[in-house]
Amino acid sequence: MSEEFPIVAITGASGSGSSSITKAFEHIFFRERVRAAYIQGSAFHRYGRKEMKQRAREAREEGWELSHFGPDANHLDKLESLFYQYAATGTGMNRYYLHSKKIATDWGQKVGTLTPWKELDGDTDLLLYRGLHGAAIDGDIDISSYPDLLIGMVPNVNLEWIRKIKRDTSLRGYSQKAVKKTILRRMSDYVNHITPQFSRTHINIQMIATVDTSDPFSAKEEPTKDECYIVINFQNVKKPDYHELMSLLPGSFMSRRDTLVVPGGMMISAIEVVLMPLVHDLVQRSREIRNITDVPKSRGAGLLGALQQSST
């Protein structure tokens, strides 16, 4: 943790709703005039797409499974080094995993490859990480000890699978059978390396469907946000004023003394209402330490380093 150069980490698998929380953070950063170094977890994959397939095949032949959920397919040591260096100096080394043909073409590389390591922009207010391992622990590596604000995005697992099936079949060209095999191959790593992270977070944000998702492999439609509720659990953080939150979020209620339930259609608004005061306090304290009293609009705000960079 670092008051001078704070780190915010969002941990959760694809399909968890982390794109919505990223959008909410963009809104917060614009209002607070925050320049954030944006880190995508895929940048710390150990292998590019082609080599990963080969390594996974070799692992199966040896009787074990290799997946991006587990530490063996990722540079958790380099992620920890980035967090450590940013907390100390406000910079560090990052790169990109090139997921799409368009972005890969822009870089002059092939889809599924990784760009060279490059130092972050040194003029940022905080670091925002979004990926699989924001609260990971593996041996002597403890990623969870660095973020000043650690958020878990955790959908109902069947809902997560419905989203993965839809994305991988419609956007990536995989068959449903192939996606199912991938889910099964990853299950051990999911249970052992992904789910334990959510007990280390400060806040968990979970989407729960109110329609039948009992068989995600035969679901014809993905539940809409209006067909879901958002369950927000405050577990390792100072409890908020729940009455104020409920007054700002119509239709919300408390299901437990540390849990707020919000209609799914209000997801982005709820995230902003809950997280803005926390981000404000982190940034204000950071600027006090760095003796920053005025932030000109010309400096810009938003996510820096994202492949589709947002800025004012």
C-alpha atoms as a PDB file:
ATOM      1  CA  MET A   1       0.000   0.000   0.000  1.00  0.00           C
ATOM      2  CA  SER A   2       1.140   3.539  -0.707  1.00  0.00           C
ATOM      3  CA  GLU A   3      -0.484   6.840   0.198  1.00  0.00           C
ATOM      4  CA  GLU A   4       1.756   8.706  -2.237  1.00  0.00           C
ATOM      5  CA  PHE A   5       1.092   6.511  -5.272  1.00  0.00           C
ATOM      6  CA  PRO A   6      -2.118   4.515  -4.617  1.00  0.00           C
ATOM      7  CA  ILE A   7      -3.130   1.339  -6.428  1.00  0.00           C
ATOM      8  CA  VAL A   8      -6.695   0.246  -7.187  1.00  0.00           C
ATOM      9  CA  ALA A   9      -7.170  -3.342  -8.370  1.00  0.00           C
ATOM     10  CA  ILE A  10     -10.244  -5.019  -9.890  1.00  0.00           C
ATOM     11  CA  THR A  11      -9.989  -8.790  -9.821  1.00  0.00           C
ATOM     12  CA  GLY A  12     -12.348 -11.162 -11.617  1.00  0.00           C
ATOM     13  CA  ALA A  13     -12.635 -13.447 -14.632  1.00  0.00           C
ATOM     14  CA  SER A  14     -13.910 -12.389 -18.048  1.00  0.00           C
ATOM     15  CA  GLY A  15     -17.675 -12.054 -18.027  1.00  0.00           C
ATOM     16  CA  SER A  16     -17.703 -10.822 -14.450  1.00  0.00           C
ATOM     17  CA  GLY A  17     -18.876  -7.321 -15.291  1.00  0.00           C
ATOM     18  CA  SER A  18     -15.431  -5.769 -14.956  1.00  0.00           C
ATOM     19  CA  SER A  19     -15.985  -3.742 -18.147  1.00  0.00           C
ATOM     20  CA  SER A  20     -18.865  -1.948 -16.382  1.00  0.00           C
ATOM     21  CA  ILE A  21     -16.726  -1.107 -13.389  1.00  0.00           C
ATOM     22  CA  THR A  22     -13.970   0.183 -15.684  1.00  0.00           C
ATOM     23  CA  LYS A  23     -16.508   2.529 -17.287  1.00  0.00           C
ATOM     24  CA  ALA A  24     -17.625   3.663 -13.830  1.00  0.00           C
ATOM     25  CA  PHE A  25     -14.018   4.400 -12.903  1.00  0.00           C
ATOM     26  CA  GLU A  26     -13.618   6.472 -16.060  1.00  0.00           C
ATOM     27  CA  HIS A  27     -16.569   8.625 -14.957  1.00  0.00           C
ATOM     28  CA  ILE A  28     -15.048   9.007 -11.488  1.00  0.00           C
ATOM     29  CA  PHE A  29     -11.638   9.924 -12.889  1.00  0.00           C
ATOM     30  CA  PHE A  30     -13.100  12.605 -15.164  1.00  0.00           C
ATOM     31  CA  ARG A  31     -14.952  14.207 -12.250  1.00  0.00           C
ATOM     32  CA  GLU A  32     -11.941  14.068  -9.946  1.00  0.00           C
ATOM     33  CA  ARG A  33      -9.450  15.106 -12.691  1.00  0.00           C
ATOM     34  CA  VAL A  34      -7.493  11.879 -12.185  1.00  0.00           C
ATOM     35  CA  ARG A  35      -4.882  10.540 -14.597  1.00  0.00           C
ATOM     36  CA  ALA A  36      -4.740   6.770 -14.036  1.00  0.00           C
ATOM     37  CA  ALA A  37      -2.201   4.284 -15.365  1.00  0.00           C
ATOM     38  CA  TYR A  38      -4.430   1.475 -16.667  1.00  0.00           C
ATOM     39  CA  ILE A  39      -3.031  -2.061 -16.443  1.00  0.00           C
ATOM     40  CA  GLN A  40      -4.674  -5.050 -18.124  1.00  0.00           C
ATOM     41  CA  GLY A  41      -4.020  -8.394 -16.478  1.00  0.00           C
ATOM     42  CA  SER A  42      -3.478 -10.128 -19.805  1.00  0.00           C
ATOM     43  CA  ALA A  43      -0.240  -8.147 -20.163  1.00  0.00           C
ATOM     44  CA  PHE A  44       1.250 -10.508 -17.598  1.00  0.00           C
ATOM     45  CA  HIS A  45       0.427 -13.745 -19.418  1.00  0.00           C
ATOM     46  CA  ARG A  46       3.587 -15.810 -19.674  1.00  0.00           C
ATOM     47  CA  TYR A  47       2.905 -16.957 -23.243  1.00  0.00           C
ATOM     48  CA  GLY A  48       1.366 -15.612 -26.427  1.00  0.00           C
ATOM     49  CA  ARG A  49      -1.692 -17.377 -27.837  1.00  0.00           C
ATOM     50  CA  LYS A  50       0.141 -19.828 -30.110  1.00  0.00           C
ATOM     51  CA  GLU A  51       2.713 -20.861 -27.507  1.00  0.00           C
ATOM     52  CA  MET A  52       0.035 -21.113 -24.826  1.00  0.00           C
ATOM     53  CA  LYS A  53      -1.858 -23.690 -26.884  1.00  0.00           C
ATOM     54  CA  GLN A  54       1.328 -25.715 -27.300  1.00  0.00           C
ATOM     55  CA  ARG A  55       2.253 -25.494 -23.618  1.00  0.00           C
ATOM     56  CA  ALA A  56      -1.290 -26.455 -22.550  1.00  0.00           C
ATOM     57  CA  ARG A  57      -1.182 -29.469 -24.854  1.00  0.00           C
ATOM     58  CA  GLU A  58       2.175 -30.544 -23.411  1.00  0.00           C
ATOM     59  CA  ALA A  59       0.836 -30.154 -19.876  1.00  0.00           C
ATOM     60  CA  ARG A  60      -2.162 -32.405 -20.654  1.00  0.00           C
ATOM     61  CA  GLU A  61       0.190 -35.030 -22.045  1.00  0.00           C
ATOM     62  CA  GLU A  62       2.049 -34.857 -18.723  1.00  0.00           C
ATOM     63  CA  GLY A  63      -1.198 -35.296 -16.798  1.00  0.00           C
ATOM     64  CA  TRP A  64      -1.954 -31.756 -15.592  1.00  0.00           C
ATOM     65  CA  GLU A  65      -3.782 -28.676 -16.862  1.00  0.00           C
ATOM     66  CA  LEU A  66      -2.269 -25.284 -17.681  1.00  0.00           C
ATOM     67  CA  SER A  67      -4.636 -22.312 -17.751  1.00  0.00           C
ATOM     68  CA  HIS A  68      -4.528 -18.541 -17.496  1.00  0.00           C
ATOM     69  CA  PHE A  69      -6.330 -18.834 -14.161  1.00  0.00           C
ATOM     70  CA  GLY A  70      -3.256 -20.416 -12.556  1.00  0.00           C
ATOM     71  CA  PRO A  71       0.178 -18.972 -11.721  1.00  0.00           C
ATOM     72  CA  ASP A  72       2.121 -21.211 -14.130  1.00  0.00           C
ATOM     73  CA  ALA A  73       0.748 -19.373 -17.176  1.00  0.00           C
ATOM     74  CA  ASN A  74       1.399 -15.890 -15.782  1.00  0.00           C
ATOM     75  CA  HIS A  75       4.247 -13.650 -14.665  1.00  0.00           C
ATOM     76  CA  LEU A  76       2.917 -12.956 -11.180  1.00  0.00           C
ATOM     77  CA  ASP A  77       6.446 -11.995 -10.177  1.00  0.00           C
ATOM     78  CA  LYS A  78       6.473  -9.194 -12.754  1.00  0.00           C
ATOM     79  CA  LEU A  79       3.018  -8.037 -11.680  1.00  0.00           C
ATOM     80  CA  GLU A  80       4.188  -7.865  -8.081  1.00  0.00           C
ATOM     81  CA  SER A  81       7.284  -5.954  -9.207  1.00  0.00           C
ATOM     82  CA  LEU A  82       5.087  -3.441 -11.024  1.00  0.00           C
ATOM     83  CA  PHE A  83       2.898  -2.906  -7.961  1.00  0.00           C
ATOM     84  CA  TYR A  84       5.960  -2.587  -5.719  1.00  0.00           C
ATOM     85  CA  GLN A  85       7.694  -0.110  -8.031  1.00  0.00           C
ATOM     86  CA  TYR A  86       4.571   1.972  -8.664  1.00  0.00           C
ATOM     87  CA  ALA A  87       3.809   2.226  -4.949  1.00  0.00           C
ATOM     88  CA  ALA A  88       7.367   3.480  -4.386  1.00  0.00           C
ATOM     89  CA  THR A  89       7.980   5.692  -7.418  1.00  0.00           C
ATOM     90  CA  GLY A  90       4.742   6.138  -9.414  1.00  0.00           C
ATOM     91  CA  THR A  91       6.022   4.219 -12.437  1.00  0.00           C
ATOM     92  CA  GLY A  92       6.873   0.691 -13.604  1.00  0.00           C
ATOM     93  CA  MET A  93       6.995  -1.627 -16.605  1.00  0.00           C
ATOM     94  CA  ASN A  94       3.919  -2.674 -18.623  1.00  0.00           C
ATOM     95  CA  ARG A  95       2.994  -4.177 -21.994  1.00  0.00           C
ATOM     96  CA  TYR A  96      -0.097  -5.297 -23.949  1.00  0.00           C
ATOM     97  CA  TYR A  97      -1.569  -8.609 -24.998  1.00  0.00           C
ATOM     98  CA  LEU A  98      -2.951  -8.036 -28.511  1.00  0.00           C
ATOM     99  CA  HIS A  99      -6.402  -9.650 -28.487  1.00  0.00           C
ATOM    100  CA  SER A 100      -7.850  -8.374 -31.778  1.00  0.00           C
ATOM    101  CA  LYS A 101      -6.667  -8.224 -35.380  1.00  0.00           C
ATOM    102  CA  LYS A 102      -7.188  -4.469 -35.604  1.00  0.00           C
ATOM    103  CA  ILE A 103      -5.072  -3.673 -32.558  1.00  0.00           C
ATOM    104  CA  ALA A 104      -2.405  -6.196 -33.572  1.00  0.00           C
ATOM    105  CA  THR A 105      -2.203  -4.558 -37.018  1.00  0.00           C
ATOM    106  CA  ASP A 106      -1.725  -1.169 -35.391  1.00  0.00           C
ATOM    107  CA  TRP A 107       1.278  -2.589 -33.554  1.00  0.00           C
ATOM    108  CA  GLY A 108       2.604  -4.434 -36.614  1.00  0.00           C
ATOM    109  CA  GLN A 109       2.315  -7.756 -34.794  1.00  0.00           C
ATOM    110  CA  LYS A 110       0.173 -10.883 -34.956  1.00  0.00           C
ATOM    111  CA  VAL A 111      -3.020 -11.428 -32.964  1.00  0.00           C
ATOM    112  CA  GLY A 112      -2.354 -13.119 -29.634  1.00  0.00           C
ATOM    113  CA  THR A 113       1.171 -11.786 -29.230  1.00  0.00           C
ATOM    114  CA  LEU A 114       2.616  -9.540 -26.542  1.00  0.00           C
ATOM    115  CA  THR A 115       4.190  -6.133 -27.105  1.00  0.00           C
ATOM    116  CA  PRO A 116       7.620  -5.200 -25.693  1.00  0.00           C
ATOM    117  CA  TRP A 117       7.820  -4.005 -22.097  1.00  0.00           C
ATOM    118  CA  LYS A 118       7.663  -0.224 -21.731  1.00  0.00           C
ATOM    119  CA  GLU A 119       7.822   2.171 -18.791  1.00  0.00           C
ATOM    120  CA  LEU A 120       4.556   3.769 -17.683  1.00  0.00           C
ATOM    121  CA  ASP A 121       3.813   7.464 -18.024  1.00  0.00           C
ATOM    122  CA  GLY A 122       5.328   9.037 -14.920  1.00  0.00           C
ATOM    123  CA  ASP A 123       2.610  11.683 -14.489  1.00  0.00           C
ATOM    124  CA  THR A 124      -0.315   9.747 -13.008  1.00  0.00           C
ATOM    125  CA  ASP A 125      -2.364   9.948  -9.817  1.00  0.00           C
ATOM    126  CA  LEU A 126      -2.953   6.241  -9.315  1.00  0.00           C
ATOM    127  CA  LEU A 127      -2.668   2.838 -10.946  1.00  0.00           C
ATOM    128  CA  LEU A 128      -5.818   0.929 -11.958  1.00  0.00           C
ATOM    129  CA  TYR A 129      -5.392  -2.819 -12.538  1.00  0.00           C
ATOM    130  CA  ARG A 130      -8.096  -4.979 -14.077  1.00  0.00           C
ATOM    131  CA  GLY A 131      -7.439  -8.708 -14.438  1.00  0.00           C
ATOM    132  CA  LEU A 132      -7.455 -12.182 -12.948  1.00  0.00           C
ATOM    133  CA  HIS A 133      -4.875 -11.798 -10.199  1.00  0.00           C
ATOM    134  CA  GLY A 134      -5.349  -8.509  -8.359  1.00  0.00           C
ATOM    135  CA  ALA A 135      -5.480 -10.356  -5.020  1.00  0.00           C
ATOM    136  CA  ALA A 136      -3.429 -13.446  -5.884  1.00  0.00           C
ATOM    137  CA  ILE A 137      -1.045 -15.184  -3.512  1.00  0.00           C
ATOM    138  CA  ASP A 138       1.418 -17.798  -4.769  1.00  0.00           C
ATOM    139  CA  GLY A 139       4.272 -18.870  -2.509  1.00  0.00           C
ATOM    140  CA  ASP A 140       6.290 -15.791  -1.562  1.00  0.00           C
ATOM    141  CA  ILE A 141       4.346 -13.624  -4.036  1.00  0.00           C
ATOM    142  CA  ASP A 142       1.498 -11.667  -2.441  1.00  0.00           C
ATOM    143  CA  ILE A 143      -0.204  -9.365  -4.960  1.00  0.00           C
ATOM    144  CA  SER A 144      -3.050  -8.693  -2.504  1.00  0.00           C
ATOM    145  CA  SER A 145      -0.792  -6.767  -0.126  1.00  0.00           C
ATOM    146  CA  TYR A 146      -0.252  -3.837  -2.528  1.00  0.00           C
ATOM    147  CA  PRO A 147      -3.642  -2.386  -3.602  1.00  0.00           C
ATOM    148  CA  ASP A 148      -5.048   0.426  -1.477  1.00  0.00           C
ATOM    149  CA  LEU A 149      -8.509  -0.420  -2.808  1.00  0.00           C
ATOM    150  CA  LEU A 150      -9.186  -4.002  -3.898  1.00  0.00           C
ATOM    151  CA  ILE A 151     -12.461  -4.887  -5.603  1.00  0.00           C
ATOM    152  CA  GLY A 152     -13.771  -8.310  -6.593  1.00  0.00           C
ATOM    153  CA  MET A 153     -16.144  -8.638  -9.549  1.00  0.00           C
ATOM    154  CA  VAL A 154     -17.907 -11.930  -8.972  1.00  0.00           C
ATOM    155  CA  PRO A 155     -20.978 -13.002 -10.959  1.00  0.00           C
ATOM    156  CA  ASN A 156     -23.012 -16.072 -10.179  1.00  0.00           C
ATOM    157  CA  VAL A 157     -20.866 -18.785 -11.763  1.00  0.00           C
ATOM    158  CA  ASN A 158     -23.616 -19.973 -14.147  1.00  0.00           C
ATOM    159  CA  LEU A 159     -24.075 -16.392 -15.327  1.00  0.00           C
ATOM    160  CA  GLU A 160     -20.319 -16.136 -15.849  1.00  0.00           C
ATOM    161  CA  TRP A 161     -20.405 -19.287 -17.972  1.00  0.00           C
ATOM    162  CA  ILE A 162     -23.370 -18.040 -20.039  1.00  0.00           C
ATOM    163  CA  ARG A 163     -21.416 -14.897 -20.850  1.00  0.00           C
ATOM    164  CA  LYS A 164     -18.257 -16.823 -21.697  1.00  0.00           C
ATOM    165  CA  ILE A 165     -20.131 -19.202 -24.003  1.00  0.00           C
ATOM    166  CA  LYS A 166     -21.791 -16.298 -25.786  1.00  0.00           C
ATOM    167  CA  ARG A 167     -18.549 -14.335 -26.177  1.00  0.00           C
ATOM    168  CA  ASP A 168     -16.372 -17.249 -27.297  1.00  0.00           C
ATOM    169  CA  THR A 169     -18.888 -18.656 -29.764  1.00  0.00           C
ATOM    170  CA  SER A 170     -20.095 -15.385 -31.297  1.00  0.00           C
ATOM    171  CA  LEU A 171     -16.912 -13.295 -31.212  1.00  0.00           C
ATOM    172  CA  ARG A 172     -14.048 -15.801 -31.209  1.00  0.00           C
ATOM    173  CA  GLY A 173     -15.464 -18.563 -33.389  1.00  0.00           C
ATOM    174  CA  TYR A 174     -15.273 -21.438 -30.894  1.00  0.00           C
ATOM    175  CA  SER A 175     -17.890 -24.194 -30.774  1.00  0.00           C
ATOM    176  CA  GLN A 176     -19.958 -24.589 -27.621  1.00  0.00           C
ATOM    177  CA  LYS A 177     -18.318 -27.990 -27.106  1.00  0.00           C
ATOM    178  CA  ALA A 178     -14.870 -26.385 -27.188  1.00  0.00           C
ATOM    179  CA  VAL A 179     -15.903 -23.705 -24.689  1.00  0.00           C
ATOM    180  CA  LYS A 180     -17.273 -26.351 -22.341  1.00  0.00           C
ATOM    181  CA  LYS A 181     -13.963 -28.238 -22.484  1.00  0.00           C
ATOM    182  CA  THR A 182     -12.110 -25.020 -21.649  1.00  0.00           C
ATOM    183  CA  ILE A 183     -14.329 -24.405 -18.612  1.00  0.00           C
ATOM    184  CA  LEU A 184     -13.689 -27.934 -17.368  1.00  0.00           C
ATOM    185  CA  ARG A 185      -9.922 -27.687 -17.924  1.00  0.00           C
ATOM    186  CA  ARG A 186      -9.780 -24.461 -15.937  1.00  0.00           C
ATOM    187  CA  MET A 187     -11.933 -25.638 -13.047  1.00  0.00           C
ATOM    188  CA  SER A 188      -9.119 -26.659 -10.701  1.00  0.00           C
ATOM    189  CA  ASP A 189      -7.256 -23.378 -11.219  1.00  0.00           C
ATOM    190  CA  TYR A 190     -10.512 -21.427 -10.827  1.00  0.00           C
ATOM    191  CA  VAL A 191     -11.234 -23.052  -7.476  1.00  0.00           C
ATOM    192  CA  ASN A 192      -7.665 -22.897  -6.179  1.00  0.00           C
ATOM    193  CA  HIS A 193      -6.433 -19.575  -7.534  1.00  0.00           C
ATOM    194  CA  ILE A 194      -9.385 -17.335  -8.488  1.00  0.00           C
ATOM    195  CA  THR A 195     -12.082 -17.820  -5.845  1.00  0.00           C
ATOM    196  CA  PRO A 196      -9.744 -17.476  -2.796  1.00  0.00           C
ATOM    197  CA  GLN A 197      -8.944 -13.929  -3.914  1.00  0.00           C
ATOM    198  CA  PHE A 198     -12.460 -12.750  -3.133  1.00  0.00           C
ATOM    199  CA  SER A 199     -11.920 -13.267   0.602  1.00  0.00           C
ATOM    200  CA  ARG A 200      -8.971 -10.823   0.430  1.00  0.00           C
ATOM    201  CA  THR A 201     -10.765  -7.960  -1.313  1.00  0.00           C
ATOM    202  CA  HIS A 202     -12.129  -4.842   0.357  1.00  0.00           C
ATOM    203  CA  ILE A 203     -15.407  -4.865  -1.577  1.00  0.00           C
ATOM    204  CA  ASN A 204     -17.050  -7.591  -3.671  1.00  0.00           C
ATOM    205  CA  ILE A 205     -19.587  -6.725  -6.363  1.00  0.00           C
ATOM    206  CA  GLN A 206     -21.606  -9.734  -7.505  1.00  0.00           C
ATOM    207  CA  MET A 207     -24.297  -9.959 -10.169  1.00  0.00           C
ATOM    208  CA  ILE A 208     -27.125 -12.412  -9.450  1.00  0.00           C
ATOM    209  CA  ALA A 209     -29.719 -13.270 -12.112  1.00  0.00           C
ATOM    210  CA  THR A 210     -33.418 -13.377 -11.251  1.00  0.00           C
ATOM    211  CA  VAL A 211     -34.186 -15.643 -14.226  1.00  0.00           C
ATOM    212  CA  ASP A 212     -33.405 -19.329 -14.684  1.00  0.00           C
ATOM    213  CA  THR A 213     -29.684 -19.915 -15.370  1.00  0.00           C
ATOM    214  CA  SER A 214     -29.594 -23.472 -14.030  1.00  0.00           C
ATOM    215  CA  ASP A 215     -28.243 -24.904 -17.312  1.00  0.00           C
ATOM    216  CA  PRO A 216     -25.840 -22.330 -18.758  1.00  0.00           C
ATOM    217  CA  PHE A 217     -24.977 -24.630 -21.656  1.00  0.00           C
ATOM    218  CA  SER A 218     -28.501 -24.535 -23.058  1.00  0.00           C
ATOM    219  CA  ALA A 219     -29.354 -20.914 -22.229  1.00  0.00           C
ATOM    220  CA  LYS A 220     -30.642 -19.154 -25.334  1.00  0.00           C
ATOM    221  CA  GLU A 221     -30.274 -15.612 -23.994  1.00  0.00           C
ATOM    222  CA  GLU A 222     -27.995 -13.857 -21.560  1.00  0.00           C
ATOM    223  CA  PRO A 223     -29.902 -12.261 -18.667  1.00  0.00           C
ATOM    224  CA  THR A 224     -30.072  -8.493 -19.029  1.00  0.00           C
ATOM    225  CA  LYS A 225     -28.955  -6.178 -16.243  1.00  0.00           C
ATOM    226  CA  ASP A 226     -32.609  -5.408 -15.519  1.00  0.00           C
ATOM    227  CA  GLU A 227     -33.095  -9.145 -14.876  1.00  0.00           C
ATOM    228  CA  CYS A 228     -30.345  -9.130 -12.235  1.00  0.00           C
ATOM    229  CA  TYR A 229     -29.499  -7.717  -8.851  1.00  0.00           C
ATOM    230  CA  ILE A 230     -26.090  -6.397  -7.793  1.00  0.00           C
ATOM    231  CA  VAL A 231     -24.909  -7.654  -4.402  1.00  0.00           C
ATOM    232  CA  ILE A 232     -22.256  -5.366  -2.881  1.00  0.00           C
ATOM    233  CA  ASN A 233     -20.428  -6.741   0.148  1.00  0.00           C
ATOM    234  CA  PHE A 234     -18.173  -4.533   2.299  1.00  0.00           C
ATOM    235  CA  GLN A 235     -15.822  -6.937   4.048  1.00  0.00           C
ATOM    236  CA  ASN A 236     -12.355  -5.476   4.640  1.00  0.00           C
ATOM    237  CA  VAL A 237     -13.126  -1.784   4.528  1.00  0.00           C
ATOM    238  CA  LYS A 238     -14.789   0.838   6.726  1.00  0.00           C
ATOM    239  CA  LYS A 239     -18.540   0.367   6.459  1.00  0.00           C
ATOM    240  CA  PRO A 240     -20.363   3.139   4.560  1.00  0.00           C
ATOM    241  CA  ASP A 241     -23.506   5.019   5.542  1.00  0.00           C
ATOM    242  CA  TYR A 242     -26.011   2.470   4.249  1.00  0.00           C
ATOM    243  CA  HIS A 243     -28.996   4.766   4.736  1.00  0.00           C
ATOM    244  CA  GLU A 244     -27.368   7.398   2.527  1.00  0.00           C
ATOM    245  CA  LEU A 245     -26.512   4.801  -0.132  1.00  0.00           C
ATOM    246  CA  MET A 246     -30.085   3.492  -0.167  1.00  0.00           C
ATOM    247  CA  SER A 247     -31.437   7.020  -0.519  1.00  0.00           C
ATOM    248  CA  LEU A 248     -29.193   7.554  -3.543  1.00  0.00           C
ATOM    249  CA  LEU A 249     -30.032   4.174  -5.106  1.00  0.00           C
ATOM    250  CA  PRO A 250     -33.830   3.701  -5.337  1.00  0.00           C
ATOM    251  CA  GLY A 251     -34.958   0.108  -4.934  1.00  0.00           C
ATOM    252  CA  SER A 252     -31.858  -0.942  -3.007  1.00  0.00           C
ATOM    253  CA  PHE A 253     -31.945  -2.710   0.343  1.00  0.00           C
ATOM    254  CA  MET A 254     -29.691  -4.386   2.896  1.00  0.00           C
ATOM    255  CA  SER A 255     -29.725  -8.186   2.988  1.00  0.00           C
ATOM    256  CA  ARG A 256     -27.130  -8.375   5.780  1.00  0.00           C
ATOM    257  CA  ARG A 257     -25.428  -5.825   8.004  1.00  0.00           C
ATOM    258  CA  ASP A 258     -22.507  -5.600   5.547  1.00  0.00           C
ATOM    259  CA  THR A 259     -24.337  -6.198   2.252  1.00  0.00           C
ATOM    260  CA  LEU A 260     -26.228  -3.830  -0.049  1.00  0.00           C
ATOM    261  CA  VAL A 261     -28.462  -5.150  -2.849  1.00  0.00           C
ATOM    262  CA  VAL A 262     -29.106  -2.894  -5.852  1.00  0.00           C
ATOM    263  CA  PRO A 263     -31.261  -3.366  -8.996  1.00  0.00           C
ATOM    264  CA  GLY A 264     -29.015  -4.536 -11.840  1.00  0.00           C
ATOM    265  CA  GLY A 265     -29.949  -1.705 -14.172  1.00  0.00           C
ATOM    266  CA  MET A 266     -28.278   0.689 -11.740  1.00  0.00           C
ATOM    267  CA  MET A 267     -24.946  -1.136 -11.799  1.00  0.00           C
ATOM    268  CA  ILE A 268     -22.713   1.659 -13.076  1.00  0.00           C
ATOM    269  CA  SER A 269     -24.466   4.283 -10.930  1.00  0.00           C
ATOM    270  CA  ALA A 270     -24.154   2.069  -7.849  1.00  0.00           C
ATOM    271  CA  ILE A 271     -20.448   1.490  -8.420  1.00  0.00           C
ATOM    272  CA  GLU A 272     -19.860   5.219  -8.816  1.00  0.00           C
ATOM    273  CA  VAL A 273     -21.830   6.110  -5.679  1.00  0.00           C
ATOM    274  CA  VAL A 274     -19.988   3.492  -3.608  1.00  0.00           C
ATOM    275  CA  LEU A 275     -16.472   3.999  -4.942  1.00  0.00           C
ATOM    276  CA  MET A 276     -16.239   7.731  -5.637  1.00  0.00           C
ATOM    277  CA  PRO A 277     -15.695   8.760  -1.968  1.00  0.00           C
ATOM    278  CA  LEU A 278     -12.996   6.089  -1.604  1.00  0.00           C
ATOM    279  CA  VAL A 279     -11.168   7.173  -4.760  1.00  0.00           C
ATOM    280  CA  HIS A 280     -11.528  10.838  -3.767  1.00  0.00           C
ATOM    281  CA  ASP A 281      -9.875  10.184  -0.397  1.00  0.00           C
ATOM    282  CA  LEU A 282      -7.004   8.202  -1.974  1.00  0.00           C
ATOM    283  CA  VAL A 283      -6.295  10.876  -4.569  1.00  0.00           C
ATOM    284  CA  GLN A 284      -6.668  13.790  -2.151  1.00  0.00           C
ATOM    285  CA  ARG A 285      -4.189  12.236   0.290  1.00  0.00           C
ATOM    286  CA  SER A 286      -1.779  11.439  -2.567  1.00  0.00           C
ATOM    287  CA  ARG A 287      -1.864  15.031  -3.812  1.00  0.00           C
ATOM    288  CA  GLU A 288      -1.335  16.381  -0.313  1.00  0.00           C
ATOM    289  CA  ILE A 289       1.807  14.273   0.072  1.00  0.00           C
ATOM    290  CA  ARG A 290       3.062  15.316  -3.372  1.00  0.00           C
ATOM    291  CA  ASN A 291       2.198  18.964  -2.619  1.00  0.00           C
ATOM    292  CA  ILE A 292      -0.203  19.263  -5.567  1.00  0.00           C
ATOM    293  CA  THR A 293      -2.695  22.043  -4.847  1.00  0.00           C
ATOM    294  CA  ASP A 294      -4.056  22.720  -8.325  1.00  0.00           C
ATOM    295  CA  VAL A 295      -4.863  20.366 -11.211  1.00  0.00           C
ATOM    296  CA  PRO A 296      -5.283  22.258 -14.500  1.00  0.00           C
ATOM    297  CA  LYS A 297      -7.807  20.927 -17.004  1.00  0.00           C
ATOM    298  CA  SER A 298      -5.102  20.928 -19.664  1.00  0.00           C
ATOM    299  CA  ARG A 299      -3.407  18.047 -17.806  1.00  0.00           C
ATOM    300  CA  GLY A 300      -6.205  15.719 -18.899  1.00  0.00           C
ATOM    301  CA  ALA A 301      -7.901  12.876 -17.076  1.00  0.00           C
ATOM    302  CA  GLY A 302      -8.977   9.271 -17.622  1.00  0.00           C
ATOM    303  CA  LEU A 303      -7.271   5.969 -18.342  1.00  0.00           C
ATOM    304  CA  LEU A 304      -3.746   6.132 -19.706  1.00  0.00           C
ATOM    305  CA  GLY A 305      -2.178   3.131 -21.346  1.00  0.00           C
ATOM    306  CA  ALA A 306      -5.405   1.355 -22.338  1.00  0.00           C
ATOM    307  CA  LEU A 307      -5.465   0.053 -25.883  1.00  0.00           C
ATOM    308  CA  GLN A 308      -8.580   2.134 -26.487  1.00  0.00           C
ATOM    309  CA  GLN A 309      -7.308   5.057 -24.429  1.00  0.00           C
ATOM    310  CA  SER A 310      -9.864   7.330 -22.845  1.00  0.00           C
ATOM    311  CA  SER A 311      -8.954  10.947 -22.284  1.00  0.00           C
ATOM    312  CA  THR A 312     -10.449  14.422 -22.211  1.00  0.00           C
END
